[in-house]
Structures are given as C-alpha cells and as structure tokens.
Amino acid sequence: KRQENQGGISGILILFVTVCIFIPLHNYLKLQEEGKKCQEQAERDFP
C-alpha cells in the first residue's frame, strides 16, 4: 500500500501555487520598477 501523505502533498501544492503566483508577480513588479527608474532618470535629465 502506498503511504498516504495528504498533509505533505497539500503543503507542496500550496507552495507550488504560491511560487507560481510570486514569480510572475515579481517579474511584473521588477518590470514596473525598471520602467519607473527609466522615467525618473528621464525626468532628471529633462533640464
């Protein structure tokens, strides 16, 4: 009989979903941050 480990599977599933959400969100926030830095740099160079 295979050992049932529902708690561990649930934890792995939650961790997997969290990572799947976090990585795209992190990349999106990073992209926004890079765009914000470019705009701030452009604003400093405007004068």
All heavy atoms as atom14 arrays in JSON, in Angstrom:
{
  "sequence": "KRQENQGGISGILILFVTVCIFIPLHNYLKLQEEGKKCQEQAERDFP",
  "atom14_mask": [
    [1, 1, 1, 1, 1, 1, 1, 1, 1, 0, 0, 0, 0, 0],
    [1, 1, 1, 1, 1, 1, 1, 1, 1, 1, 1, 0, 0, 0],
    [1, 1, 1, 1, 1, 1, 1, 1, 1, 0, 0, 0, 0, 0],
    [1, 1, 1, 1, 1, 1, 1, 1, 1, 0, 0, 0, 0, 0],
    [1, 1, 1, 1, 1, 1, 1, 1, 0, 0, 0, 0, 0, 0],
    [1, 1, 1, 1, 1, 1, 1, 1, 1, 0, 0, 0, 0, 0],
    [1, 1, 1, 1, 0, 0, 0, 0, 0, 0, 0, 0, 0, 0],
    [1, 1, 1, 1, 0, 0, 0, 0, 0, 0, 0, 0, 0, 0],
    [1, 1, 1, 1, 1, 1, 1, 1, 0, 0, 0, 0, 0, 0],
    [1, 1, 1, 1, 1, 1, 0, 0, 0, 0, 0, 0, 0, 0],
    [1, 1, 1, 1, 0, 0, 0, 0, 0, 0, 0, 0, 0, 0],
    [1, 1, 1, 1, 1, 1, 1, 1, 0, 0, 0, 0, 0, 0],
    [1, 1, 1, 1, 1, 1, 1, 1, 0, 0, 0, 0, 0, 0],
    [1, 1, 1, 1, 1, 1, 1, 1, 0, 0, 0, 0, 0, 0],
    [1, 1, 1, 1, 1, 1, 1, 1, 0, 0, 0, 0, 0, 0],
    [1, 1, 1, 1, 1, 1, 1, 1, 1, 1, 1, 0, 0, 0],
    [1, 1, 1, 1, 1, 1, 1, 0, 0, 0, 0, 0, 0, 0],
    [1, 1, 1, 1, 1, 1, 1, 0, 0, 0, 0, 0, 0, 0],
    [1, 1, 1, 1, 1, 1, 1, 0, 0, 0, 0, 0, 0, 0],
    [1, 1, 1, 1, 1, 1, 0, 0, 0, 0, 0, 0, 0, 0],
    [1, 1, 1, 1, 1, 1, 1, 1, 0, 0, 0, 0, 0, 0],
    [1, 1, 1, 1, 1, 1, 1, 1, 1, 1, 1, 0, 0, 0],
    [1, 1, 1, 1, 1, 1, 1, 1, 0, 0, 0, 0, 0, 0],
    [1, 1, 1, 1, 1, 1, 1, 0, 0, 0, 0, 0, 0, 0],
    [1, 1, 1, 1, 1, 1, 1, 1, 0, 0, 0, 0, 0, 0],
    [1, 1, 1, 1, 1, 1, 1, 1, 1, 1, 0, 0, 0, 0],
    [1, 1, 1, 1, 1, 1, 1, 1, 0, 0, 0, 0, 0, 0],
    [1, 1, 1, 1, 1, 1, 1, 1, 1, 1, 1, 1, 0, 0],
    [1, 1, 1, 1, 1, 1, 1, 1, 0, 0, 0, 0, 0, 0],
    [1, 1, 1, 1, 1, 1, 1, 1, 1, 0, 0, 0, 0, 0],
    [1, 1, 1, 1, 1, 1, 1, 1, 0, 0, 0, 0, 0, 0],
    [1, 1, 1, 1, 1, 1, 1, 1, 1, 0, 0, 0, 0, 0],
    [1, 1, 1, 1, 1, 1, 1, 1, 1, 0, 0, 0, 0, 0],
    [1, 1, 1, 1, 1, 1, 1, 1, 1, 0, 0, 0, 0, 0],
    [1, 1, 1, 1, 0, 0, 0, 0, 0, 0, 0, 0, 0, 0],
    [1, 1, 1, 1, 1, 1, 1, 1, 1, 0, 0, 0, 0, 0],
    [1, 1, 1, 1, 1, 1, 1, 1, 1, 0, 0, 0, 0, 0],
    [1, 1, 1, 1, 1, 1, 0, 0, 0, 0, 0, 0, 0, 0],
    [1, 1, 1, 1, 1, 1, 1, 1, 1, 0, 0, 0, 0, 0],
    [1, 1, 1, 1, 1, 1, 1, 1, 1, 0, 0, 0, 0, 0],
    [1, 1, 1, 1, 1, 1, 1, 1, 1, 0, 0, 0, 0, 0],
    [1, 1, 1, 1, 1, 0, 0, 0, 0, 0, 0, 0, 0, 0],
    [1, 1, 1, 1, 1, 1, 1, 1, 1, 0, 0, 0, 0, 0],
    [1, 1, 1, 1, 1, 1, 1, 1, 1, 1, 1, 0, 0, 0],
    [1, 1, 1, 1, 1, 1, 1, 1, 0, 0, 0, 0, 0, 0],
    [1, 1, 1, 1, 1, 1, 1, 1, 1, 1, 1, 0, 0, 0],
    [1, 1, 1, 1, 1, 1, 1, 0, 0, 0, 0, 0, 0, 0]
  ],
  "atom14_positions": [
    [[0.84, -1.19, 0.0], [0.0, 0.0, 0.0], [0.88, 1.24, 0.0], [1.83, 1.34, 0.79], [-0.91, 0.0, 1.23], [-1.81, 1.21, 1.34], [-2.56, 1.2, 2.66], [-3.39, 2.47, 2.82], [-4.08, 2.53, 4.13], [0.0, 0.0, 0.0], [0.0, 0.0, 0.0], [0.0, 0.0, 0.0], [0.0, 0.0, 0.0], [0.0, 0.0, 0.0]],
    [[0.58, 2.16, -0.87], [1.32, 3.42, -0.9], [1.01, 4.23, 0.35], [-0.13, 4.31, 0.77], [0.97, 4.24, -2.14], [1.58, 3.71, -3.4], [1.42, 4.72, -4.52], [2.08, 4.29, -5.73], [2.15, 5.02, -6.84], [1.58, 6.21, -6.86], [2.78, 4.57, -7.9], [0.0, 0.0, 0.0], [0.0, 0.0, 0.0], [0.0, 0.0, 0.0]],
    [[2.07, 4.85, 0.9], [1.88, 5.68, 2.08], [1.16, 6.97, 1.7], [1.57, 7.68, 0.78], [3.24, 6.03, 2.71], [3.99, 4.81, 3.21], [3.27, 4.13, 4.36], [2.6, 4.79, 5.17], [3.39, 2.8, 4.44], [0.0, 0.0, 0.0], [0.0, 0.0, 0.0], [0.0, 0.0, 0.0], [0.0, 0.0, 0.0], [0.0, 0.0, 0.0]],
    [[0.09, 7.23, 2.42], [-0.68, 8.45, 2.16], [-0.09, 9.58, 2.97], [0.12, 9.47, 4.17], [-2.15, 8.25, 2.54], [-2.84, 7.18, 1.7], [-4.29, 7.03, 2.1], [-4.72, 7.72, 3.04], [-4.97, 6.21, 1.47], [0.0, 0.0, 0.0], [0.0, 0.0, 0.0], [0.0, 0.0, 0.0], [0.0, 0.0, 0.0], [0.0, 0.0, 0.0]],
    [[0.16, 10.67, 2.27], [0.72, 11.86, 2.94], [0.01, 13.08, 2.41], [0.57, 13.89, 1.68], [2.23, 11.94, 2.68], [2.89, 13.02, 3.51], [2.28, 13.6, 4.41], [4.16, 13.29, 3.21], [0.0, 0.0, 0.0], [0.0, 0.0, 0.0], [0.0, 0.0, 0.0], [0.0, 0.0, 0.0], [0.0, 0.0, 0.0], [0.0, 0.0, 0.0]],
    [[-1.23, 13.17, 2.77], [-2.06, 14.24, 2.23], [-1.58, 15.61, 2.69], [-1.64, 16.59, 1.97], [-3.52, 14.02, 2.65], [-4.13, 12.73, 2.12], [-4.21, 12.72, 0.62], [-4.31, 13.76, -0.03], [-4.12, 11.52, 0.04], [0.0, 0.0, 0.0], [0.0, 0.0, 0.0], [0.0, 0.0, 0.0], [0.0, 0.0, 0.0], [0.0, 0.0, 0.0]],
    [[-1.12, 15.63, 3.99], [-0.65, 16.92, 4.51], [0.55, 17.44, 3.73], [0.63, 18.61, 3.39], [0.0, 0.0, 0.0], [0.0, 0.0, 0.0], [0.0, 0.0, 0.0], [0.0, 0.0, 0.0], [0.0, 0.0, 0.0], [0.0, 0.0, 0.0], [0.0, 0.0, 0.0], [0.0, 0.0, 0.0], [0.0, 0.0, 0.0], [0.0, 0.0, 0.0]],
    [[1.49, 16.51, 3.44], [2.67, 16.93, 2.7], [2.33, 17.34, 1.28], [2.85, 18.31, 0.75], [0.0, 0.0, 0.0], [0.0, 0.0, 0.0], [0.0, 0.0, 0.0], [0.0, 0.0, 0.0], [0.0, 0.0, 0.0], [0.0, 0.0, 0.0], [0.0, 0.0, 0.0], [0.0, 0.0, 0.0], [0.0, 0.0, 0.0], [0.0, 0.0, 0.0]],
    [[1.42, 16.6, 0.66], [1.0, 16.95, -0.7], [0.31, 18.3, -0.72], [0.54, 19.12, -1.61], [0.08, 15.85, -1.25], [0.87, 14.54, -1.42], [-0.53, 16.28, -2.58], [0.02, 13.37, -1.84], [0.0, 0.0, 0.0], [0.0, 0.0, 0.0], [0.0, 0.0, 0.0], [0.0, 0.0, 0.0], [0.0, 0.0, 0.0], [0.0, 0.0, 0.0]],
    [[-0.54, 18.53, 0.29], [-1.22, 19.83, 0.36], [-0.22, 20.96, 0.54], [-0.33, 22.02, -0.1], [-2.22, 19.82, 1.52], [-3.18, 18.81, 1.34], [0.0, 0.0, 0.0], [0.0, 0.0, 0.0], [0.0, 0.0, 0.0], [0.0, 0.0, 0.0], [0.0, 0.0, 0.0], [0.0, 0.0, 0.0], [0.0, 0.0, 0.0], [0.0, 0.0, 0.0]],
    [[0.77, 20.73, 1.41], [1.79, 21.76, 1.61], [2.58, 22.05, 0.35], [2.85, 23.2, 0.02], [0.0, 0.0, 0.0], [0.0, 0.0, 0.0], [0.0, 0.0, 0.0], [0.0, 0.0, 0.0], [0.0, 0.0, 0.0], [0.0, 0.0, 0.0], [0.0, 0.0, 0.0], [0.0, 0.0, 0.0], [0.0, 0.0, 0.0], [0.0, 0.0, 0.0]],
    [[2.95, 20.98, -0.37], [3.69, 21.15, -1.62], [2.84, 21.88, -2.65], [3.32, 22.75, -3.38], [4.16, 19.79, -2.15], [5.19, 19.18, -1.22], [4.72, 19.92, -3.56], [5.57, 17.75, -1.55], [0.0, 0.0, 0.0], [0.0, 0.0, 0.0], [0.0, 0.0, 0.0], [0.0, 0.0, 0.0], [0.0, 0.0, 0.0], [0.0, 0.0, 0.0]],
    [[1.53, 21.52, -2.68], [0.62, 22.18, -3.63], [0.49, 23.67, -3.33], [0.53, 24.5, -4.24], [-0.74, 21.5, -3.58], [-1.8, 22.03, -4.55], [-1.34, 21.84, -5.98], [-3.13, 21.33, -4.32], [0.0, 0.0, 0.0], [0.0, 0.0, 0.0], [0.0, 0.0, 0.0], [0.0, 0.0, 0.0], [0.0, 0.0, 0.0], [0.0, 0.0, 0.0]],
    [[0.35, 23.98, -2.02], [0.25, 25.4, -1.64], [1.53, 26.15, -1.98], [1.51, 27.27, -2.5], [-0.07, 25.52, -0.13], [-1.48, 24.98, 0.15], [0.04, 26.96, 0.34], [-1.8, 24.84, 1.61], [0.0, 0.0, 0.0], [0.0, 0.0, 0.0], [0.0, 0.0, 0.0], [0.0, 0.0, 0.0], [0.0, 0.0, 0.0], [0.0, 0.0, 0.0]],
    [[2.67, 25.5, -1.69], [3.96, 26.13, -2.01], [4.1, 26.34, -3.5], [4.57, 27.39, -3.97], [5.1, 25.26, -1.48], [6.52, 25.76, -1.75], [6.75, 27.1, -1.07], [7.54, 24.73, -1.28], [0.0, 0.0, 0.0], [0.0, 0.0, 0.0], [0.0, 0.0, 0.0], [0.0, 0.0, 0.0], [0.0, 0.0, 0.0], [0.0, 0.0, 0.0]],
    [[3.68, 25.34, -4.28], [3.79, 25.44, -5.73], [2.93, 26.58, -6.27], [3.37, 27.37, -7.11], [3.36, 24.11, -6.37], [3.3, 24.13, -7.86], [4.46, 24.13, -8.61], [2.09, 24.18, -8.52], [4.42, 24.16, -9.99], [2.03, 24.21, -9.89], [3.2, 24.2, -10.63], [0.0, 0.0, 0.0], [0.0, 0.0, 0.0], [0.0, 0.0, 0.0]],
    [[1.68, 26.67, -5.79], [0.79, 27.74, -6.24], [1.35, 29.1, -5.84], [1.33, 30.07, -6.62], [-0.62, 27.54, -5.65], [-1.51, 28.74, -5.96], [-1.25, 26.27, -6.21], [0.0, 0.0, 0.0], [0.0, 0.0, 0.0], [0.0, 0.0, 0.0], [0.0, 0.0, 0.0], [0.0, 0.0, 0.0], [0.0, 0.0, 0.0], [0.0, 0.0, 0.0]],
    [[1.9, 29.17, -4.6], [2.48, 30.44, -4.14], [3.65, 30.86, -5.02], [3.76, 32.03, -5.41], [2.95, 30.29, -2.68], [1.85, 29.86, -1.88], [3.47, 31.63, -2.15], [0.0, 0.0, 0.0], [0.0, 0.0, 0.0], [0.0, 0.0, 0.0], [0.0, 0.0, 0.0], [0.0, 0.0, 0.0], [0.0, 0.0, 0.0], [0.0, 0.0, 0.0]],
    [[4.52, 29.91, -5.34], [5.68, 30.22, -6.2], [5.22, 30.62, -7.59], [5.75, 31.57, -8.19], [6.64, 29.01, -6.25], [7.72, 29.24, -7.29], [7.26, 28.78, -4.89], [0.0, 0.0, 0.0], [0.0, 0.0, 0.0], [0.0, 0.0, 0.0], [0.0, 0.0, 0.0], [0.0, 0.0, 0.0], [0.0, 0.0, 0.0], [0.0, 0.0, 0.0]],
    [[4.21, 29.89, -8.11], [3.7, 30.21, -9.46], [3.11, 31.62, -9.52], [3.2, 32.29, -10.55], [2.65, 29.19, -9.87], [3.33, 27.56, -10.24], [0.0, 0.0, 0.0], [0.0, 0.0, 0.0], [0.0, 0.0, 0.0], [0.0, 0.0, 0.0], [0.0, 0.0, 0.0], [0.0, 0.0, 0.0], [0.0, 0.0, 0.0], [0.0, 0.0, 0.0]],
    [[2.51, 32.05, -8.41], [1.96, 33.4, -8.38], [3.06, 34.43, -8.14], [3.08, 35.51, -8.74], [0.87, 33.51, -7.28], [-0.32, 32.62, -7.64], [0.41, 34.96, -7.1], [-1.37, 32.53, -6.56], [0.0, 0.0, 0.0], [0.0, 0.0, 0.0], [0.0, 0.0, 0.0], [0.0, 0.0, 0.0], [0.0, 0.0, 0.0], [0.0, 0.0, 0.0]],
    [[4.0, 34.07, -7.26], [5.03, 35.04, -6.86], [5.98, 35.37, -8.0], [6.34, 36.54, -8.19], [5.82, 34.48, -5.67], [6.98, 35.35, -5.26], [6.78, 36.52, -4.57], [8.27, 34.98, -5.59], [7.85, 37.32, -4.21], [9.35, 35.77, -5.24], [9.14, 36.94, -4.54], [0.0, 0.0, 0.0], [0.0, 0.0, 0.0], [0.0, 0.0, 0.0]],
    [[6.42, 34.35, -8.75], [7.42, 34.6, -9.79], [6.91, 35.55, -10.87], [7.57, 36.54, -11.2], [7.91, 33.26, -10.4], [8.71, 32.49, -9.34], [8.77, 33.51, -11.64], [9.16, 31.13, -9.8], [0.0, 0.0, 0.0], [0.0, 0.0, 0.0], [0.0, 0.0, 0.0], [0.0, 0.0, 0.0], [0.0, 0.0, 0.0], [0.0, 0.0, 0.0]],
    [[5.71, 35.3, -11.47], [5.22, 36.29, -12.44], [4.98, 37.66, -11.82], [5.25, 38.68, -12.47], [3.91, 35.67, -12.95], [4.01, 34.23, -12.64], [4.8, 34.15, -11.39], [0.0, 0.0, 0.0], [0.0, 0.0, 0.0], [0.0, 0.0, 0.0], [0.0, 0.0, 0.0], [0.0, 0.0, 0.0], [0.0, 0.0, 0.0], [0.0, 0.0, 0.0]],
    [[4.48, 37.66, -10.57], [4.25, 38.94, -9.9], [5.56, 39.68, -9.66], [5.65, 40.9, -9.86], [3.51, 38.7, -8.58], [3.14, 39.95, -7.77], [2.17, 40.83, -8.57], [2.51, 39.56, -6.44], [0.0, 0.0, 0.0], [0.0, 0.0, 0.0], [0.0, 0.0, 0.0], [0.0, 0.0, 0.0], [0.0, 0.0, 0.0], [0.0, 0.0, 0.0]],
    [[6.58, 38.93, -9.27], [7.89, 39.54, -9.03], [8.46, 40.11, -10.33], [8.99, 41.23, -10.35], [8.84, 38.5, -8.45], [10.26, 38.97, -8.36], [10.69, 39.92, -7.47], [11.35, 38.62, -9.1], [11.98, 40.12, -7.63], [12.4, 39.36, -8.61], [0.0, 0.0, 0.0], [0.0, 0.0, 0.0], [0.0, 0.0, 0.0], [0.0, 0.0, 0.0]],
    [[8.35, 39.34, -11.4], [8.85, 39.83, -12.69], [8.09, 41.06, -13.16], [8.68, 42.0, -13.72], [8.75, 38.73, -13.75], [9.68, 37.57, -13.46], [10.7, 37.74, -12.79], [9.33, 36.39, -13.93], [0.0, 0.0, 0.0], [0.0, 0.0, 0.0], [0.0, 0.0, 0.0], [0.0, 0.0, 0.0], [0.0, 0.0, 0.0], [0.0, 0.0, 0.0]],
    [[6.76, 41.05, -12.92], [5.96, 42.22, -13.3], [6.35, 43.45, -12.49], [6.52, 44.55, -13.03], [4.49, 41.89, -13.12], [3.56, 43.05, -13.4], [3.34, 43.49, -14.7], [2.91, 43.71, -12.36], [2.5, 44.57, -14.96], [2.07, 44.77, -12.61], [1.87, 45.19, -13.9], [1.04, 46.25, -14.15], [0.0, 0.0, 0.0], [0.0, 0.0, 0.0]],
    [[6.51, 43.25, -11.17], [6.91, 44.38, -10.32], [8.31, 44.86, -10.67], [8.59, 46.07, -10.63], [6.85, 43.96, -8.85], [5.44, 43.65, -8.3], [5.54, 43.15, -6.86], [4.55, 44.88, -8.37], [0.0, 0.0, 0.0], [0.0, 0.0, 0.0], [0.0, 0.0, 0.0], [0.0, 0.0, 0.0], [0.0, 0.0, 0.0], [0.0, 0.0, 0.0]],
    [[9.17, 43.91, -11.02], [10.52, 44.29, -11.43], [10.5, 45.09, -12.72], [11.24, 46.07, -12.88], [11.38, 43.03, -11.6], [12.85, 43.32, -11.88], [13.63, 42.03, -11.98], [15.1, 42.32, -12.28], [15.87, 41.05, -12.41], [0.0, 0.0, 0.0], [0.0, 0.0, 0.0], [0.0, 0.0, 0.0], [0.0, 0.0, 0.0], [0.0, 0.0, 0.0]],
    [[9.63, 44.66, -13.65], [9.49, 45.4, -14.9], [8.97, 46.8, -14.64], [9.45, 47.77, -15.23], [8.55, 44.63, -15.83], [8.3, 45.24, -17.21], [9.58, 45.25, -18.02], [7.22, 44.45, -17.94], [0.0, 0.0, 0.0], [0.0, 0.0, 0.0], [0.0, 0.0, 0.0], [0.0, 0.0, 0.0], [0.0, 0.0, 0.0], [0.0, 0.0, 0.0]],
    [[8.0, 46.9, -13.75], [7.48, 48.21, -13.4], [8.55, 49.08, -12.75], [8.65, 50.28, -13.03], [6.28, 48.07, -12.45], [4.98, 47.71, -13.14], [3.8, 47.79, -12.2], [3.93, 47.6, -10.99], [2.63, 48.08, -12.74], [0.0, 0.0, 0.0], [0.0, 0.0, 0.0], [0.0, 0.0, 0.0], [0.0, 0.0, 0.0], [0.0, 0.0, 0.0]],
    [[9.33, 48.46, -11.89], [10.39, 49.21, -11.2], [11.43, 49.72, -12.19], [11.91, 50.86, -12.09], [11.05, 48.3, -10.16], [12.07, 48.99, -9.28], [11.46, 50.03, -8.36], [10.24, 49.96, -8.08], [12.2, 50.94, -7.93], [0.0, 0.0, 0.0], [0.0, 0.0, 0.0], [0.0, 0.0, 0.0], [0.0, 0.0, 0.0], [0.0, 0.0, 0.0]],
    [[11.8, 48.87, -13.17], [12.76, 49.31, -14.18], [12.2, 50.46, -15.01], [12.91, 51.42, -15.32], [13.12, 48.13, -15.09], [13.91, 47.02, -14.42], [15.29, 47.49, -14.01], [15.84, 48.38, -14.67], [15.81, 46.96, -13.01], [0.0, 0.0, 0.0], [0.0, 0.0, 0.0], [0.0, 0.0, 0.0], [0.0, 0.0, 0.0], [0.0, 0.0, 0.0]],
    [[10.9, 50.34, -15.38], [10.28, 51.44, -16.12], [10.22, 52.72, -15.31], [10.44, 53.81, -15.84], [0.0, 0.0, 0.0], [0.0, 0.0, 0.0], [0.0, 0.0, 0.0], [0.0, 0.0, 0.0], [0.0, 0.0, 0.0], [0.0, 0.0, 0.0], [0.0, 0.0, 0.0], [0.0, 0.0, 0.0], [0.0, 0.0, 0.0], [0.0, 0.0, 0.0]],
    [[9.95, 52.57, -14.03], [9.89, 53.74, -13.16], [11.27, 54.4, -13.04], [11.39, 55.63, -13.05], [9.39, 53.32, -11.78], [9.14, 54.48, -10.82], [8.59, 53.97, -9.5], [8.37, 55.14, -8.52], [7.87, 54.65, -7.21], [0.0, 0.0, 0.0], [0.0, 0.0, 0.0], [0.0, 0.0, 0.0], [0.0, 0.0, 0.0], [0.0, 0.0, 0.0]],
    [[12.29, 53.56, -12.96], [13.66, 54.11, -12.88], [14.02, 54.87, -14.16], [14.65, 55.93, -14.1], [14.65, 52.98, -12.65], [14.62, 52.41, -11.25], [15.66, 51.3, -11.09], [15.63, 50.72, -9.69], [16.62, 49.61, -9.53], [0.0, 0.0, 0.0], [0.0, 0.0, 0.0], [0.0, 0.0, 0.0], [0.0, 0.0, 0.0], [0.0, 0.0, 0.0]],
    [[13.63, 54.31, -15.31], [13.91, 55.0, -16.58], [13.2, 56.34, -16.65], [13.77, 57.34, -17.08], [13.49, 54.11, -17.75], [14.54, 52.67, -18.02], [0.0, 0.0, 0.0], [0.0, 0.0, 0.0], [0.0, 0.0, 0.0], [0.0, 0.0, 0.0], [0.0, 0.0, 0.0], [0.0, 0.0, 0.0], [0.0, 0.0, 0.0], [0.0, 0.0, 0.0]],
    [[11.95, 56.36, -16.2], [11.19, 57.62, -16.23], [11.78, 58.63, -15.26], [11.87, 59.83, -15.57], [9.72, 57.35, -15.9], [8.98, 56.52, -16.93], [8.88, 57.2, -18.29], [8.82, 58.43, -18.38], [8.88, 56.41, -19.36], [0.0, 0.0, 0.0], [0.0, 0.0, 0.0], [0.0, 0.0, 0.0], [0.0, 0.0, 0.0], [0.0, 0.0, 0.0]],
    [[12.19, 58.16, -14.07], [12.82, 59.08, -13.11], [14.14, 59.61, -13.66], [14.46, 60.8, -13.48], [13.05, 58.35, -11.79], [11.76, 58.05, -11.03], [12.02, 57.26, -9.76], [13.2, 56.84, -9.56], [11.08, 57.05, -8.98], [0.0, 0.0, 0.0], [0.0, 0.0, 0.0], [0.0, 0.0, 0.0], [0.0, 0.0, 0.0], [0.0, 0.0, 0.0]],
    [[14.89, 58.74, -14.31], [16.15, 59.19, -14.92], [15.88, 60.21, -16.02], [16.58, 61.22, -16.15], [16.91, 57.99, -15.47], [18.29, 58.33, -16.03], [18.9, 57.16, -16.76], [18.31, 56.64, -17.71], [20.07, 56.73, -16.31], [0.0, 0.0, 0.0], [0.0, 0.0, 0.0], [0.0, 0.0, 0.0], [0.0, 0.0, 0.0], [0.0, 0.0, 0.0]],
    [[14.84, 59.95, -16.84], [14.49, 60.89, -17.9], [14.04, 62.23, -17.32], [14.36, 63.29, -17.86], [13.38, 60.29, -18.77], [0.0, 0.0, 0.0], [0.0, 0.0, 0.0], [0.0, 0.0, 0.0], [0.0, 0.0, 0.0], [0.0, 0.0, 0.0], [0.0, 0.0, 0.0], [0.0, 0.0, 0.0], [0.0, 0.0, 0.0], [0.0, 0.0, 0.0]],
    [[13.32, 62.17, -16.19], [12.88, 63.41, -15.54], [14.06, 64.2, -15.0], [14.08, 65.44, -15.04], [11.9, 63.07, -14.42], [11.08, 64.24, -13.92], [10.12, 64.79, -14.96], [9.72, 64.02, -15.86], [9.79, 65.98, -14.88], [0.0, 0.0, 0.0], [0.0, 0.0, 0.0], [0.0, 0.0, 0.0], [0.0, 0.0, 0.0], [0.0, 0.0, 0.0]],
    [[15.07, 63.5, -14.49], [16.28, 64.19, -14.01], [17.07, 64.81, -15.15], [17.71, 65.85, -14.98], [17.16, 63.2, -13.23], [16.65, 62.85, -11.86], [17.73, 62.16, -11.03], [18.13, 60.89, -11.61], [17.58, 59.74, -11.31], [16.58, 59.68, -10.45], [18.02, 58.63, -11.86], [0.0, 0.0, 0.0], [0.0, 0.0, 0.0], [0.0, 0.0, 0.0]],
    [[17.04, 64.14, -16.31], [17.79, 64.66, -17.47], [17.02, 65.72, -18.24], [17.58, 66.33, -19.16], [18.14, 63.5, -18.42], [19.12, 62.52, -17.81], [19.9, 62.95, -16.95], [19.09, 61.34, -18.18], [0.0, 0.0, 0.0], [0.0, 0.0, 0.0], [0.0, 0.0, 0.0], [0.0, 0.0, 0.0], [0.0, 0.0, 0.0], [0.0, 0.0, 0.0]],
    [[15.76, 65.93, -17.91], [14.94, 66.89, -18.65], [15.52, 68.31, -18.64], [15.61, 68.95, -19.7], [13.51, 66.9, -18.1], [12.6, 67.87, -18.79], [12.15, 67.65, -20.08], [12.22, 69.04, -18.14], [11.31, 68.56, -20.71], [11.38, 69.96, -18.77], [10.93, 69.72, -20.05], [0.0, 0.0, 0.0], [0.0, 0.0, 0.0], [0.0, 0.0, 0.0]],
    [[15.95, 68.86, -17.49], [16.54, 70.22, -17.51], [17.77, 70.32, -18.41], [17.97, 71.35, -19.07], [16.89, 70.47, -16.04], [16.0, 69.58, -15.27], [15.84, 68.36, -16.1], [0.0, 0.0, 0.0], [0.0, 0.0, 0.0], [0.0, 0.0, 0.0], [0.0, 0.0, 0.0], [0.0, 0.0, 0.0], [0.0, 0.0, 0.0], [0.0, 0.0, 0.0]]
  ]
}
